[in-house]
Amino acid sequence: MAAQPVDLLLRWMLARGRGQSYSLRMPGIAEHWGRSTDLAVLDRLVQVRGLQVIDVGCGAGALARSLAERGAAVLGVEPDPVQAQRNREASETDGVSFAEGYAEALPVDDGEADGVIFGRSLHHVPEAAMRPALAEARRVLRARGFLYVLEPVMEGSFSVVMKPFHDETEVRREAREALEDSAPLFARWQEVHYEVERRFESHEAFVDLFSGLTYNSYGADAVRSETVKRLFETGRTDAGDYAFAQPMRVDLFHTEGE
């Protein structure tokens, strides 16, 4: 019988306390794929047709709907009550259902999912709940399942514009450490880096994007500040719109087969 997730984590923590390494925590195979998109990278790494997938921290459900278009049955779990209510009121999409809930307490039975995806959402989980959330993902996964964690890297021109009103350097570091600490729960670990281009017609479009995120604490005035406007202007293109580079990282974990 395979070791249970809590047993694996306990064994690794004991080894770490003795200054030893744990064999299941192997370094990821880092790959660099250049300029791409989130969905193009996901399509290269996992095939979701016919799978039961949980989108954790699903927001308005854009990723969940894209997964359903690819043939997955998707449960989108959203902790923010305002967004969760919007999801309940939205038009139904075939293959997609929504639930209000937390990453560390998914409304799913043991071994019920083929895949769990954190799409730009792990760093929004409170730091104390990050490791429990990753252990929870392992709990709900079947044998030969996958955990797909997509996180922005706090570098590049897009992050320069964000930092004055929403500096996520610390929470993204905490998410990175939680992933590394949770690696023993899984059999294999792959790491992919790429870069996306974020384009906006105007600074006001940028403001609309960030002020519409109900789970963040800053207001539209912070995004409209003169400092942010000045930084945003550096992204102007010859076409008259604005373009910024955002580095991304995917950590793809697999469970053992039976």
Protein backbone atom coordinates (compact mmCIF):
# COMPACT_ATOMS: atom_id res chain seq x y z
CA MET A 1 0.00 0.00 0.00
CA ALA A 2 1.30 3.46 -0.89
CA ALA A 3 2.11 5.80 1.99
CA GLN A 4 -0.61 8.30 2.82
CA PRO A 5 0.09 12.04 2.22
CA VAL A 6 0.31 12.89 5.92
CA ASP A 7 2.73 9.98 6.46
CA LEU A 8 4.95 11.18 3.60
CA LEU A 9 4.98 14.74 4.90
CA LEU A 10 5.76 13.59 8.45
CA ARG A 11 8.65 11.41 7.26
CA TRP A 12 10.08 14.31 5.25
CA MET A 13 9.75 16.73 8.18
CA LEU A 14 11.53 14.29 10.48
CA ALA A 15 14.32 13.86 7.96
CA ARG A 16 14.58 17.62 7.51
CA GLY A 17 14.85 18.08 11.28
CA ARG A 18 17.81 15.70 11.33
CA GLY A 19 19.48 17.63 8.52
CA GLN A 20 18.82 14.84 6.03
CA SER A 21 17.21 14.93 2.62
CA TYR A 22 14.14 12.93 1.71
CA SER A 23 14.36 10.90 -1.49
CA LEU A 24 10.86 11.73 -2.78
CA ARG A 25 11.65 15.45 -2.74
CA MET A 26 13.59 15.48 -6.00
CA PRO A 27 14.39 18.73 -7.80
CA GLY A 28 12.01 19.66 -10.58
CA ILE A 29 13.13 19.39 -14.20
CA ALA A 30 13.26 23.07 -15.12
CA GLU A 31 12.33 23.94 -18.68
CA HIS A 32 12.17 27.39 -20.29
CA TRP A 33 9.62 27.78 -23.07
CA GLY A 34 9.92 31.47 -23.94
CA ARG A 35 6.87 33.58 -24.86
CA SER A 36 3.58 31.70 -24.66
CA THR A 37 0.12 31.80 -23.08
CA ASP A 38 -1.25 30.08 -19.99
CA LEU A 39 -3.58 27.84 -21.99
CA ALA A 40 -0.97 26.93 -24.60
CA VAL A 41 1.38 25.76 -21.84
CA LEU A 42 -1.39 23.86 -20.06
CA ASP A 43 -2.31 22.10 -23.32
CA ARG A 44 1.28 20.96 -23.77
CA LEU A 45 1.60 19.64 -20.24
CA VAL A 46 -1.73 17.92 -19.52
CA GLN A 47 -4.60 16.48 -21.52
CA VAL A 48 -7.85 17.01 -19.64
CA ARG A 49 -10.45 15.45 -21.95
CA GLY A 50 -12.59 13.03 -20.00
CA LEU A 51 -11.05 14.00 -16.65
CA GLN A 52 -12.58 15.29 -13.42
CA VAL A 53 -10.72 18.52 -12.62
CA ILE A 54 -10.95 20.95 -9.70
CA ASP A 55 -10.09 24.60 -10.37
CA VAL A 56 -9.10 25.97 -6.95
CA GLY A 57 -9.55 29.72 -6.54
CA CYS A 58 -11.45 29.82 -9.82
CA GLY A 59 -12.39 33.51 -9.73
CA ALA A 60 -15.02 34.23 -12.38
CA GLY A 61 -14.46 30.82 -13.96
CA ALA A 62 -12.60 31.68 -17.16
CA LEU A 63 -10.13 28.83 -16.74
CA ALA A 64 -12.86 26.41 -15.65
CA ARG A 65 -14.80 27.14 -18.83
CA SER A 66 -11.69 26.73 -20.98
CA LEU A 67 -11.05 23.34 -19.38
CA ALA A 68 -14.65 22.32 -20.06
CA GLU A 69 -14.21 23.32 -23.72
CA ARG A 70 -11.34 20.83 -23.77
CA GLY A 71 -13.61 18.04 -22.55
CA ALA A 72 -13.07 18.11 -18.78
CA ALA A 73 -15.75 18.03 -16.10
CA VAL A 74 -14.75 20.94 -13.88
CA LEU A 75 -15.60 21.99 -10.35
CA GLY A 76 -14.62 25.60 -9.74
CA VAL A 77 -14.06 26.35 -6.05
CA GLU A 78 -14.01 30.01 -5.00
CA PRO A 79 -13.47 31.27 -1.43
CA ASP A 80 -14.51 34.88 -1.93
CA PRO A 81 -18.24 35.08 -1.11
CA VAL A 82 -18.89 37.99 -3.48
CA GLN A 83 -17.35 36.21 -6.47
CA ALA A 84 -18.88 32.88 -5.44
CA GLN A 85 -22.32 34.46 -5.52
CA ARG A 86 -21.63 35.89 -8.96
CA ASN A 87 -20.64 32.42 -10.12
CA ARG A 88 -23.89 30.96 -8.83
CA GLU A 89 -25.85 33.63 -10.70
CA ALA A 90 -23.91 33.31 -13.96
CA SER A 91 -25.26 31.49 -17.01
CA GLU A 92 -24.63 27.77 -16.85
CA THR A 93 -21.78 26.24 -18.86
CA ASP A 94 -21.84 22.58 -19.85
CA GLY A 95 -19.25 20.65 -17.89
CA VAL A 96 -18.75 23.33 -15.24
CA SER A 97 -20.13 23.54 -11.71
CA PHE A 98 -19.20 26.00 -8.98
CA ALA A 99 -18.92 25.81 -5.21
CA GLU A 100 -17.97 28.25 -2.49
CA GLY A 101 -15.16 26.85 -0.39
CA TYR A 102 -11.55 26.97 0.71
CA ALA A 103 -8.48 25.35 -0.79
CA GLU A 104 -7.71 23.53 2.47
CA ALA A 105 -11.24 22.07 2.72
CA LEU A 106 -12.35 21.07 -0.77
CA PRO A 107 -15.94 19.77 -1.03
CA VAL A 108 -14.77 16.55 -2.66
CA ASP A 109 -14.30 12.97 -1.41
CA ASP A 110 -10.91 11.25 -1.19
CA GLY A 111 -9.48 10.22 -4.56
CA GLU A 112 -12.33 11.70 -6.59
CA ALA A 113 -10.37 14.03 -8.91
CA ASP A 114 -8.01 13.36 -11.78
CA GLY A 115 -6.49 16.82 -11.57
CA VAL A 116 -6.32 19.84 -9.30
CA ILE A 117 -5.32 23.22 -10.71
CA PHE A 118 -4.28 26.38 -8.88
CA GLY A 119 -4.36 28.96 -11.67
CA ARG A 120 -2.61 32.07 -10.29
CA SER A 121 -4.33 31.39 -6.98
CA LEU A 122 -1.99 29.65 -4.52
CA HIS A 123 -0.40 32.93 -3.41
CA HIS A 124 -3.90 34.18 -2.47
CA VAL A 125 -4.28 31.35 0.07
CA PRO A 126 -3.32 32.55 3.58
CA GLU A 127 0.25 31.49 4.35
CA ALA A 128 -0.80 29.25 7.25
CA ALA A 129 -3.20 27.40 4.94
CA MET A 130 -0.89 26.92 1.93
CA ARG A 131 0.61 23.59 3.01
CA PRO A 132 -2.75 22.22 4.21
CA ALA A 133 -4.21 23.29 0.84
CA LEU A 134 -1.57 21.35 -1.07
CA ALA A 135 -2.07 18.32 1.19
CA GLU A 136 -5.81 18.67 0.52
CA ALA A 137 -5.13 18.60 -3.22
CA ARG A 138 -3.24 15.34 -2.74
CA ARG A 139 -6.11 13.91 -0.70
CA VAL A 140 -8.68 14.38 -3.44
CA LEU A 141 -6.46 13.08 -6.26
CA ARG A 142 -6.73 9.61 -7.71
CA ALA A 143 -3.74 7.44 -8.56
CA ARG A 144 -2.01 8.87 -11.65
CA GLY A 145 -3.54 12.25 -10.91
CA PHE A 146 -1.89 15.62 -11.28
CA LEU A 147 -1.55 18.89 -9.38
CA TYR A 148 -0.93 21.88 -11.65
CA VAL A 149 0.19 25.09 -9.93
CA LEU A 150 0.53 28.19 -12.09
CA GLU A 151 2.09 31.18 -10.34
CA PRO A 152 3.25 34.58 -11.62
CA VAL A 153 6.88 35.44 -10.88
CA MET A 154 7.29 38.88 -9.30
CA GLU A 155 9.64 40.05 -12.04
CA GLY A 156 9.28 41.67 -15.44
CA SER A 157 7.71 44.96 -16.54
CA PHE A 158 4.18 44.01 -15.44
CA SER A 159 5.32 43.51 -11.86
CA VAL A 160 7.09 46.89 -11.91
CA VAL A 161 3.73 48.56 -12.60
CA MET A 162 1.92 46.47 -9.97
CA LYS A 163 4.30 46.89 -7.06
CA PRO A 164 3.36 50.45 -5.97
CA PHE A 165 -0.22 49.37 -5.21
CA HIS A 166 -0.01 45.59 -4.87
CA ASP A 167 3.41 44.14 -4.08
CA GLU A 168 3.02 40.35 -3.93
CA THR A 169 6.71 39.56 -3.51
CA GLU A 170 6.29 38.10 -0.03
CA VAL A 171 3.15 36.03 -0.65
CA ARG A 172 4.60 34.58 -3.83
CA ARG A 173 7.77 33.64 -1.94
CA GLU A 174 5.61 31.94 0.69
CA ALA A 175 3.76 30.03 -2.04
CA ARG A 176 7.06 28.92 -3.54
CA GLU A 177 8.28 27.61 -0.17
CA ALA A 178 4.99 25.80 0.45
CA LEU A 179 5.33 24.02 -2.90
CA GLU A 180 8.86 22.94 -2.15
CA ASP A 181 7.88 21.71 1.30
CA SER A 182 4.93 19.75 -0.14
CA ALA A 183 6.85 18.01 -2.92
CA PRO A 184 7.19 14.74 -0.89
CA LEU A 185 3.44 14.22 -1.24
CA PHE A 186 3.92 13.48 -4.93
CA ALA A 187 5.87 11.05 -7.07
CA ARG A 188 7.10 13.36 -9.82
CA TRP A 189 7.69 17.08 -10.20
CA GLN A 190 8.15 19.08 -13.40
CA GLU A 191 8.92 22.79 -13.56
CA VAL A 192 8.23 25.03 -16.57
CA HIS A 193 9.00 28.72 -16.98
CA TYR A 194 7.57 30.95 -19.70
CA GLU A 195 6.50 34.55 -20.29
CA VAL A 196 3.12 36.02 -21.15
CA GLU A 197 2.39 39.41 -22.64
CA ARG A 198 -0.23 41.54 -20.87
CA ARG A 199 -1.80 44.13 -23.17
CA PHE A 200 -4.16 47.02 -22.36
CA GLU A 201 -5.86 49.64 -24.49
CA SER A 202 -5.39 52.30 -21.83
CA HIS A 203 -4.48 52.95 -18.22
CA GLU A 204 -8.20 53.00 -17.40
CA ALA A 205 -8.54 49.45 -18.76
CA PHE A 206 -5.72 48.46 -16.40
CA VAL A 207 -7.57 50.15 -13.53
CA ASP A 208 -10.79 48.34 -14.43
CA LEU A 209 -9.03 44.97 -14.33
CA PHE A 210 -7.50 45.40 -10.90
CA SER A 211 -10.32 47.31 -9.24
CA GLY A 212 -12.74 44.58 -10.31
CA LEU A 213 -10.97 41.87 -8.29
CA THR A 214 -13.18 41.52 -5.23
CA TYR A 215 -10.65 39.53 -3.19
CA ASN A 216 -8.02 42.30 -3.09
CA SER A 217 -7.95 45.08 -0.49
CA TYR A 218 -6.70 48.08 -2.50
CA GLY A 219 -9.04 50.49 -4.25
CA ALA A 220 -9.19 52.01 -7.71
CA ASP A 221 -7.56 55.22 -6.47
CA ALA A 222 -4.36 53.34 -5.67
CA VAL A 223 -4.23 51.98 -9.23
CA ARG A 224 -4.88 55.48 -10.61
CA SER A 225 -2.01 57.07 -8.69
CA GLU A 226 0.48 59.25 -10.54
CA THR A 227 3.28 56.79 -9.77
CA VAL A 228 1.37 53.92 -11.37
CA LYS A 229 0.36 56.08 -14.35
CA ARG A 230 3.99 57.03 -14.95
CA LEU A 231 5.16 53.42 -14.81
CA PHE A 232 2.27 52.28 -16.97
CA GLU A 233 3.20 54.79 -19.65
CA THR A 234 6.55 53.03 -20.17
CA GLY A 235 4.64 50.16 -21.77
CA ARG A 236 3.24 52.22 -24.66
CA THR A 237 3.71 50.51 -28.04
CA ASP A 238 3.95 51.97 -31.53
CA ALA A 239 0.35 50.82 -32.06
CA GLY A 240 -0.78 53.08 -29.22
CA ASP A 241 -1.73 50.40 -26.72
CA TYR A 242 0.36 49.14 -23.78
CA ALA A 243 2.27 45.86 -23.42
CA PHE A 244 4.05 44.34 -20.44
CA ALA A 245 5.98 41.13 -19.85
CA GLN A 246 4.98 38.79 -17.02
CA PRO A 247 7.17 35.76 -16.23
CA MET A 248 5.23 32.66 -15.19
CA ARG A 249 6.09 29.36 -13.56
CA VAL A 250 4.23 26.04 -13.59
CA ASP A 251 4.93 23.31 -11.06
CA LEU A 252 3.35 20.07 -12.24
CA PHE A 253 3.17 17.22 -9.74
CA HIS A 254 1.97 13.66 -10.36
CA THR A 255 0.70 11.05 -7.95
CA GLU A 256 1.88 7.47 -8.09
CA GLY A 257 -0.04 4.89 -10.11
CA GLU A 258 -1.61 1.85 -8.52
